[in-house]
């Protein structure tokens, strides 16, 4: 295969593969009107806490009773 065609084809395949790996952000609205942005979907822990990674990459937990709503943010 021609080298001038091989390099752009490999770049295109790489970009297509990486675009499928983007994470979705979620907005967590609390009862006291705060909004927390999470990187990835929050998970419910057996202890009654909602575990998530915030927009700064720090792992956080919040009591599930303090959460009013969790919504997915559009990309």
PDB file of N, CA and C in Angstrom:
ATOM      1  N   UNK A   1       0.844  -1.176   0.000  1.00  0.00           N
ATOM      2  CA  UNK A   1       0.000   0.000   0.000  1.00  0.00           C
ATOM      3  C   UNK A   1       0.896   1.250   0.000  1.00  0.00           C
ATOM      4  N   UNK A   2       0.451   2.256  -0.635  1.00  0.00           N
ATOM      5  CA  UNK A   2       1.218   3.476  -0.771  1.00  0.00           C
ATOM      6  C   UNK A   2       1.365   4.171   0.592  1.00  0.00           C
ATOM      7  N   UNK A   3       2.583   4.622   0.942  1.00  0.00           N
ATOM      8  CA  UNK A   3       2.838   5.267   2.233  1.00  0.00           C
ATOM      9  C   UNK A   3       2.046   6.554   2.404  1.00  0.00           C
ATOM     10  N   UNK A   4       1.824   7.289   1.338  1.00  0.00           N
ATOM     11  CA  UNK A   4       1.089   8.548   1.449  1.00  0.00           C
ATOM     12  C   UNK A   4      -0.371   8.311   1.804  1.00  0.00           C
ATOM     13  N   UNK A   5      -0.871   7.147   1.532  1.00  0.00           N
ATOM     14  CA  UNK A   5      -2.248   6.809   1.880  1.00  0.00           C
ATOM     15  C   UNK A   5      -2.318   6.113   3.241  1.00  0.00           C
ATOM     16  N   UNK A   6      -1.289   5.397   3.611  1.00  0.00           N
ATOM     17  CA  UNK A   6      -1.279   4.622   4.846  1.00  0.00           C
ATOM     18  C   UNK A   6      -1.298   5.504   6.092  1.00  0.00           C
ATOM     19  N   UNK A   7      -0.514   6.557   6.131  1.00  0.00           N
ATOM     20  CA  UNK A   7      -0.452   7.425   7.307  1.00  0.00           C
ATOM     21  C   UNK A   7      -1.782   8.144   7.582  1.00  0.00           C
ATOM     22  N   UNK A   8      -2.409   8.778   6.587  1.00  0.00           N
ATOM     23  CA  UNK A   8      -3.718   9.398   6.868  1.00  0.00           C
ATOM     24  C   UNK A   8      -4.789   8.384   7.260  1.00  0.00           C
ATOM     25  N   UNK A   9      -4.732   7.193   6.692  1.00  0.00           N
ATOM     26  CA  UNK A   9      -5.695   6.160   7.046  1.00  0.00           C
ATOM     27  C   UNK A   9      -5.520   5.726   8.501  1.00  0.00           C
ATOM     28  N   UNK A  10      -4.284   5.566   8.942  1.00  0.00           N
ATOM     29  CA  UNK A  10      -4.014   5.189  10.335  1.00  0.00           C
ATOM     30  C   UNK A  10      -4.465   6.296  11.292  1.00  0.00           C
ATOM     31  N   UNK A  11      -4.237   7.553  10.905  1.00  0.00           N
ATOM     32  CA  UNK A  11      -4.672   8.674  11.743  1.00  0.00           C
ATOM     33  C   UNK A  11      -6.195   8.709  11.848  1.00  0.00           C
ATOM     34  N   UNK A  12      -6.881   8.465  10.762  1.00  0.00           N
ATOM     35  CA  UNK A  12      -8.342   8.464  10.759  1.00  0.00           C
ATOM     36  C   UNK A  12      -8.902   7.358  11.649  1.00  0.00           C
ATOM     37  N   UNK A  13      -8.323   6.193  11.586  1.00  0.00           N
ATOM     38  CA  UNK A  13      -8.760   5.067  12.418  1.00  0.00           C
ATOM     39  C   UNK A  13      -8.517   5.369  13.889  1.00  0.00           C
ATOM     40  N   UNK A  14      -7.380   5.986  14.211  1.00  0.00           N
ATOM     41  CA  UNK A  14      -7.067   6.337  15.597  1.00  0.00           C
ATOM     42  C   UNK A  14      -8.057   7.353  16.151  1.00  0.00           C
ATOM     43  N   UNK A  15      -8.373   8.367  15.377  1.00  0.00           N
ATOM     44  CA  UNK A  15      -9.331   9.385  15.824  1.00  0.00           C
ATOM     45  C   UNK A  15     -10.707   8.765  16.026  1.00  0.00           C
ATOM     46  N   UNK A  16     -11.113   7.904  15.131  1.00  0.00           N
ATOM     47  CA  UNK A  16     -12.419   7.256  15.251  1.00  0.00           C
ATOM     48  C   UNK A  16     -12.478   6.376  16.500  1.00  0.00           C
ATOM     49  N   UNK A  17     -11.392   5.686  16.810  1.00  0.00           N
ATOM     50  CA  UNK A  17     -11.362   4.820  17.990  1.00  0.00           C
ATOM     51  C   UNK A  17     -11.399   5.635  19.274  1.00  0.00           C
ATOM     52  N   UNK A  18     -10.675   6.748  19.297  1.00  0.00           N
ATOM     53  CA  UNK A  18     -10.627   7.564  20.501  1.00  0.00           C
ATOM     54  C   UNK A  18     -11.914   8.342  20.734  1.00  0.00           C
ATOM     55  N   UNK A  19     -12.627   8.679  19.705  1.00  0.00           N
ATOM     56  CA  UNK A  19     -13.867   9.444  19.882  1.00  0.00           C
ATOM     57  C   UNK A  19     -14.939   8.619  20.580  1.00  0.00           C
ATOM     58  N   UNK A  20     -14.866   7.322  20.498  1.00  0.00           N
ATOM     59  CA  UNK A  20     -15.821   6.467  21.183  1.00  0.00           C
ATOM     60  C   UNK A  20     -15.530   6.316  22.661  1.00  0.00           C
ATOM     61  N   UNK A  21     -14.395   6.812  23.133  1.00  0.00           N
ATOM     62  CA  UNK A  21     -13.984   6.659  24.520  1.00  0.00           C
ATOM     63  C   UNK A  21     -14.267   7.896  25.365  1.00  0.00           C
ATOM     64  N   UNK A  22     -15.003   8.848  24.855  1.00  0.00           N
ATOM     65  CA  UNK A  22     -15.276  10.043  25.639  1.00  0.00           C
ATOM     66  C   UNK A  22     -16.242   9.711  26.764  1.00  0.00           C
ATOM     67  N   UNK A  23     -16.054  10.377  27.887  1.00  0.00           N
ATOM     68  CA  UNK A  23     -16.896  10.145  29.048  1.00  0.00           C
ATOM     69  C   UNK A  23     -18.009  11.172  29.091  1.00  0.00           C
ATOM     70  N   UNK A  24     -19.113  10.771  29.615  1.00  0.00           N
ATOM     71  CA  UNK A  24     -20.256  11.654  29.759  1.00  0.00           C
ATOM     72  C   UNK A  24     -20.209  12.306  31.138  1.00  0.00           C
ATOM     73  N   UNK A  25     -20.562  13.571  31.207  1.00  0.00           N
ATOM     74  CA  UNK A  25     -20.623  14.279  32.478  1.00  0.00           C
ATOM     75  C   UNK A  25     -22.058  14.289  32.981  1.00  0.00           C
ATOM     76  N   UNK A  26     -22.207  14.363  34.293  1.00  0.00           N
ATOM     77  CA  UNK A  26     -23.521  14.396  34.921  1.00  0.00           C
ATOM     78  C   UNK A  26     -23.595  15.581  35.865  1.00  0.00           C
ATOM     79  N   UNK A  27     -24.780  16.167  35.979  1.00  0.00           N
ATOM     80  CA  UNK A  27     -25.032  17.243  36.936  1.00  0.00           C
ATOM     81  C   UNK A  27     -25.790  16.647  38.114  1.00  0.00           C
ATOM     82  N   UNK A  28     -25.264  16.872  39.300  1.00  0.00           N
ATOM     83  CA  UNK A  28     -25.904  16.389  40.517  1.00  0.00           C
ATOM     84  C   UNK A  28     -26.478  17.613  41.231  1.00  0.00           C
ATOM     85  N   UNK A  29     -27.804  17.714  41.292  1.00  0.00           N
ATOM     86  CA  UNK A  29     -28.450  18.820  41.991  1.00  0.00           C
ATOM     87  C   UNK A  29     -28.766  18.362  43.413  1.00  0.00           C
ATOM     88  N   UNK A  30     -28.391  19.186  44.387  1.00  0.00           N
ATOM     89  CA  UNK A  30     -28.631  18.854  45.788  1.00  0.00           C
ATOM     90  C   UNK A  30     -29.859  19.587  46.304  1.00  0.00           C
ATOM     91  N   UNK A  31     -30.328  19.184  47.469  1.00  0.00           N
ATOM     92  CA  UNK A  31     -31.504  19.796  48.078  1.00  0.00           C
ATOM     93  C   UNK A  31     -31.270  21.252  48.477  1.00  0.00           C
ATOM     94  N   UNK A  32     -29.998  21.642  48.691  1.00  0.00           N
ATOM     95  CA  UNK A  32     -29.696  23.022  49.062  1.00  0.00           C
ATOM     96  C   UNK A  32     -29.294  23.865  47.849  1.00  0.00           C
ATOM     97  N   UNK A  33     -29.736  23.468  46.654  1.00  0.00           N
ATOM     98  CA  UNK A  33     -29.599  24.213  45.396  1.00  0.00           C
ATOM     99  C   UNK A  33     -28.176  24.282  44.847  1.00  0.00           C
ATOM    100  N   UNK A  34     -27.275  23.400  45.283  1.00  0.00           N
ATOM    101  CA  UNK A  34     -25.948  23.330  44.680  1.00  0.00           C
ATOM    102  C   UNK A  34     -26.015  22.422  43.462  1.00  0.00           C
ATOM    103  N   UNK A  35     -25.130  22.659  42.496  1.00  0.00           N
ATOM    104  CA  UNK A  35     -24.985  21.783  41.351  1.00  0.00           C
ATOM    105  C   UNK A  35     -23.542  21.334  41.288  1.00  0.00           C
ATOM    106  N   UNK A  36     -23.342  20.034  41.277  1.00  0.00           N
ATOM    107  CA  UNK A  36     -22.007  19.442  41.216  1.00  0.00           C
ATOM    108  C   UNK A  36     -21.886  18.728  39.876  1.00  0.00           C
ATOM    109  N   UNK A  37     -20.801  18.970  39.161  1.00  0.00           N
ATOM    110  CA  UNK A  37     -20.559  18.309  37.881  1.00  0.00           C
ATOM    111  C   UNK A  37     -19.636  17.122  38.125  1.00  0.00           C
ATOM    112  N   UNK A  38     -20.060  15.952  37.659  1.00  0.00           N
ATOM    113  CA  UNK A  38     -19.240  14.749  37.807  1.00  0.00           C
ATOM    114  C   UNK A  38     -18.700  14.315  36.450  1.00  0.00           C
ATOM    115  N   UNK A  39     -17.536  13.716  36.489  1.00  0.00           N
ATOM    116  CA  UNK A  39     -16.925  13.149  35.288  1.00  0.00           C
ATOM    117  C   UNK A  39     -17.264  11.664  35.276  1.00  0.00           C
ATOM    118  N   UNK A  40     -18.222  11.281  34.469  1.00  0.00           N
ATOM    119  CA  UNK A  40     -18.697   9.905  34.451  1.00  0.00           C
ATOM    120  C   UNK A  40     -19.932   9.764  35.328  1.00  0.00           C
ATOM    121  N   UNK A  41     -20.582   8.638  35.230  1.00  0.00           N
ATOM    122  CA  UNK A  41     -21.836   8.405  35.944  1.00  0.00           C
ATOM    123  C   UNK A  41     -21.567   8.126  37.425  1.00  0.00           C
ATOM    124  N   UNK A  42     -22.282   8.824  38.315  1.00  0.00           N
ATOM    125  CA  UNK A  42     -22.142   8.539  39.750  1.00  0.00           C
ATOM    126  C   UNK A  42     -22.649   7.133  40.076  1.00  0.00           C
ATOM    127  N   UNK A  43     -22.037   6.515  41.077  1.00  0.00           N
ATOM    128  CA  UNK A  43     -22.414   5.157  41.483  1.00  0.00           C
ATOM    129  C   UNK A  43     -22.918   5.181  42.912  1.00  0.00           C
ATOM    130  N   UNK A  44     -23.937   4.396  43.154  1.00  0.00           N
ATOM    131  CA  UNK A  44     -24.480   4.302  44.504  1.00  0.00           C
ATOM    132  C   UNK A  44     -23.700   3.266  45.297  1.00  0.00           C
ATOM    133  N   UNK A  45     -23.202   3.653  46.443  1.00  0.00           N
ATOM    134  CA  UNK A  45     -22.462   2.749  47.326  1.00  0.00           C
ATOM    135  C   UNK A  45     -23.445   2.054  48.263  1.00  0.00           C
ATOM    136  N   UNK A  46     -23.080   0.882  48.766  1.00  0.00           N
ATOM    137  CA  UNK A  46     -23.971   0.170  49.691  1.00  0.00           C
ATOM    138  C   UNK A  46     -24.211   0.935  50.989  1.00  0.00           C
ATOM    139  N   UNK A  47     -23.379   1.919  51.290  1.00  0.00           N
ATOM    140  CA  UNK A  47     -23.503   2.686  52.531  1.00  0.00           C
ATOM    141  C   UNK A  47     -24.519   3.818  52.433  1.00  0.00           C
ATOM    142  N   UNK A  48     -25.164   3.993  51.265  1.00  0.00           N
ATOM    143  CA  UNK A  48     -26.143   5.061  51.095  1.00  0.00           C
ATOM    144  C   UNK A  48     -25.531   6.346  50.574  1.00  0.00           C
ATOM    145  N   UNK A  49     -24.281   6.278  50.136  1.00  0.00           N
ATOM    146  CA  UNK A  49     -23.603   7.440  49.581  1.00  0.00           C
ATOM    147  C   UNK A  49     -23.560   7.340  48.069  1.00  0.00           C
ATOM    148  N   UNK A  50     -23.496   8.481  47.424  1.00  0.00           N
ATOM    149  CA  UNK A  50     -23.339   8.552  45.982  1.00  0.00           C
ATOM    150  C   UNK A  50     -21.876   8.885  45.718  1.00  0.00           C
ATOM    151  N   UNK A  51     -21.166   7.996  45.034  1.00  0.00           N
ATOM    152  CA  UNK A  51     -19.742   8.180  44.754  1.00  0.00           C
ATOM    153  C   UNK A  51     -19.574   8.677  43.328  1.00  0.00           C
ATOM    154  N   UNK A  52     -18.699   9.661  43.145  1.00  0.00           N
ATOM    155  CA  UNK A  52     -18.445  10.213  41.822  1.00  0.00           C
ATOM    156  C   UNK A  52     -17.077  10.860  41.793  1.00  0.00           C
ATOM    157  N   UNK A  53     -16.587  11.112  40.589  1.00  0.00           N
ATOM    158  CA  UNK A  53     -15.360  11.869  40.389  1.00  0.00           C
ATOM    159  C   UNK A  53     -15.771  13.238  39.881  1.00  0.00           C
ATOM    160  N   UNK A  54     -15.325  14.289  40.578  1.00  0.00           N
ATOM    161  CA  UNK A  54     -15.745  15.628  40.174  1.00  0.00           C
ATOM    162  C   UNK A  54     -14.988  16.099  38.936  1.00  0.00           C
ATOM    163  N   UNK A  55     -15.314  17.285  38.463  1.00  0.00           N
ATOM    164  CA  UNK A  55     -14.729  17.815  37.233  1.00  0.00           C
ATOM    165  C   UNK A  55     -13.222  18.034  37.354  1.00  0.00           C
ATOM    166  N   UNK A  56     -12.707  18.122  38.586  1.00  0.00           N
ATOM    167  CA  UNK A  56     -11.275  18.295  38.807  1.00  0.00           C
ATOM    168  C   UNK A  56     -10.532  16.965  38.937  1.00  0.00           C
ATOM    169  N   UNK A  57     -11.257  15.851  38.847  1.00  0.00           N
ATOM    170  CA  UNK A  57     -10.639  14.534  38.939  1.00  0.00           C
ATOM    171  C   UNK A  57     -10.512  13.996  40.355  1.00  0.00           C
ATOM    172  N   UNK A  58     -11.168  14.644  41.316  1.00  0.00           N
ATOM    173  CA  UNK A  58     -11.103  14.224  42.720  1.00  0.00           C
ATOM    174  C   UNK A  58     -12.306  13.341  43.032  1.00  0.00           C
ATOM    175  N   UNK A  59     -12.059  12.188  43.666  1.00  0.00           N
ATOM    176  CA  UNK A  59     -13.159  11.294  44.049  1.00  0.00           C
ATOM    177  C   UNK A  59     -13.899  11.901  45.233  1.00  0.00           C
ATOM    178  N   UNK A  60     -15.229  11.939  45.115  1.00  0.00           N
ATOM    179  CA  UNK A  60     -16.080  12.555  46.127  1.00  0.00           C
ATOM    180  C   UNK A  60     -17.214  11.603  46.495  1.00  0.00           C
ATOM    181  N   UNK A  61     -17.829  11.868  47.633  1.00  0.00           N
ATOM    182  CA  UNK A  61     -19.025  11.144  48.068  1.00  0.00           C
ATOM    183  C   UNK A  61     -20.000  12.151  48.644  1.00  0.00           C
ATOM    184  N   UNK A  62     -21.271  11.901  48.429  1.00  0.00           N
ATOM    185  CA  UNK A  62     -22.323  12.738  49.001  1.00  0.00           C
ATOM    186  C   UNK A  62     -23.439  11.811  49.457  1.00  0.00           C
ATOM    187  N   UNK A  63     -24.061  12.184  50.560  1.00  0.00           N
ATOM    188  CA  UNK A  63     -25.156  11.391  51.080  1.00  0.00           C
ATOM    189  C   UNK A  63     -26.308  11.404  50.075  1.00  0.00           C
ATOM    190  N   UNK A  64     -26.839  10.243  49.772  1.00  0.00           N
ATOM    191  CA  UNK A  64     -27.899  10.128  48.770  1.00  0.00           C
ATOM    192  C   UNK A  64     -29.149  10.913  49.166  1.00  0.00           C
ATOM    193  N   UNK A  65     -29.391  11.077  50.448  1.00  0.00           N
ATOM    194  CA  UNK A  65     -30.565  11.827  50.896  1.00  0.00           C
ATOM    195  C   UNK A  65     -30.427  13.324  50.611  1.00  0.00           C
ATOM    196  N   UNK A  66     -29.208  13.798  50.343  1.00  0.00           N
ATOM    197  CA  UNK A  66     -28.980  15.205  50.015  1.00  0.00           C
ATOM    198  C   UNK A  66     -29.126  15.489  48.518  1.00  0.00           C
ATOM    199  N   UNK A  67     -29.270  14.440  47.709  1.00  0.00           N
ATOM    200  CA  UNK A  67     -29.335  14.589  46.257  1.00  0.00           C
ATOM    201  C   UNK A  67     -30.785  14.696  45.810  1.00  0.00           C
ATOM    202  N   UNK A  68     -31.073  15.761  45.072  1.00  0.00           N
ATOM    203  CA  UNK A  68     -32.419  15.963  44.546  1.00  0.00           C
ATOM    204  C   UNK A  68     -32.578  15.282  43.198  1.00  0.00           C
ATOM    205  N   UNK A  69     -31.546  15.437  42.312  1.00  0.00           N
ATOM    206  CA  UNK A  69     -31.663  14.921  40.952  1.00  0.00           C
ATOM    207  C   UNK A  69     -30.274  14.735  40.352  1.00  0.00           C
ATOM    208  N   UNK A  70     -30.136  13.710  39.517  1.00  0.00           N
ATOM    209  CA  UNK A  70     -28.913  13.486  38.735  1.00  0.00           C
ATOM    210  C   UNK A  70     -29.319  13.444  37.268  1.00  0.00           C
ATOM    211  N   UNK A  71     -28.713  14.320  36.464  1.00  0.00           N
ATOM    212  CA  UNK A  71     -29.054  14.371  35.054  1.00  0.00           C
ATOM    213  C   UNK A  71     -27.787  14.328  34.195  1.00  0.00           C
ATOM    214  N   UNK A  72     -27.910  13.684  33.049  1.00  0.00           N
ATOM    215  CA  UNK A  72     -26.801  13.608  32.102  1.00  0.00           C
ATOM    216  C   UNK A  72     -26.710  14.930  31.344  1.00  0.00           C
ATOM    217  N   UNK A  73     -25.489  15.438  31.214  1.00  0.00           N
ATOM    218  CA  UNK A  73     -25.282  16.677  30.476  1.00  0.00           C
ATOM    219  C   UNK A  73     -25.075  16.373  28.999  1.00  0.00           C
ATOM    220  N   UNK A  74     -25.640  17.195  28.125  1.00  0.00           N
ATOM    221  CA  UNK A  74     -25.421  16.960  26.686  1.00  0.00           C
ATOM    222  C   UNK A  74     -23.973  17.218  26.320  1.00  0.00           C
ATOM    223  N   UNK A  75     -23.491  16.497  25.321  1.00  0.00           N
ATOM    224  CA  UNK A  75     -22.095  16.619  24.895  1.00  0.00           C
ATOM    225  C   UNK A  75     -21.870  17.856  24.097  1.00  0.00           C
TER     226      UNK A  75
END
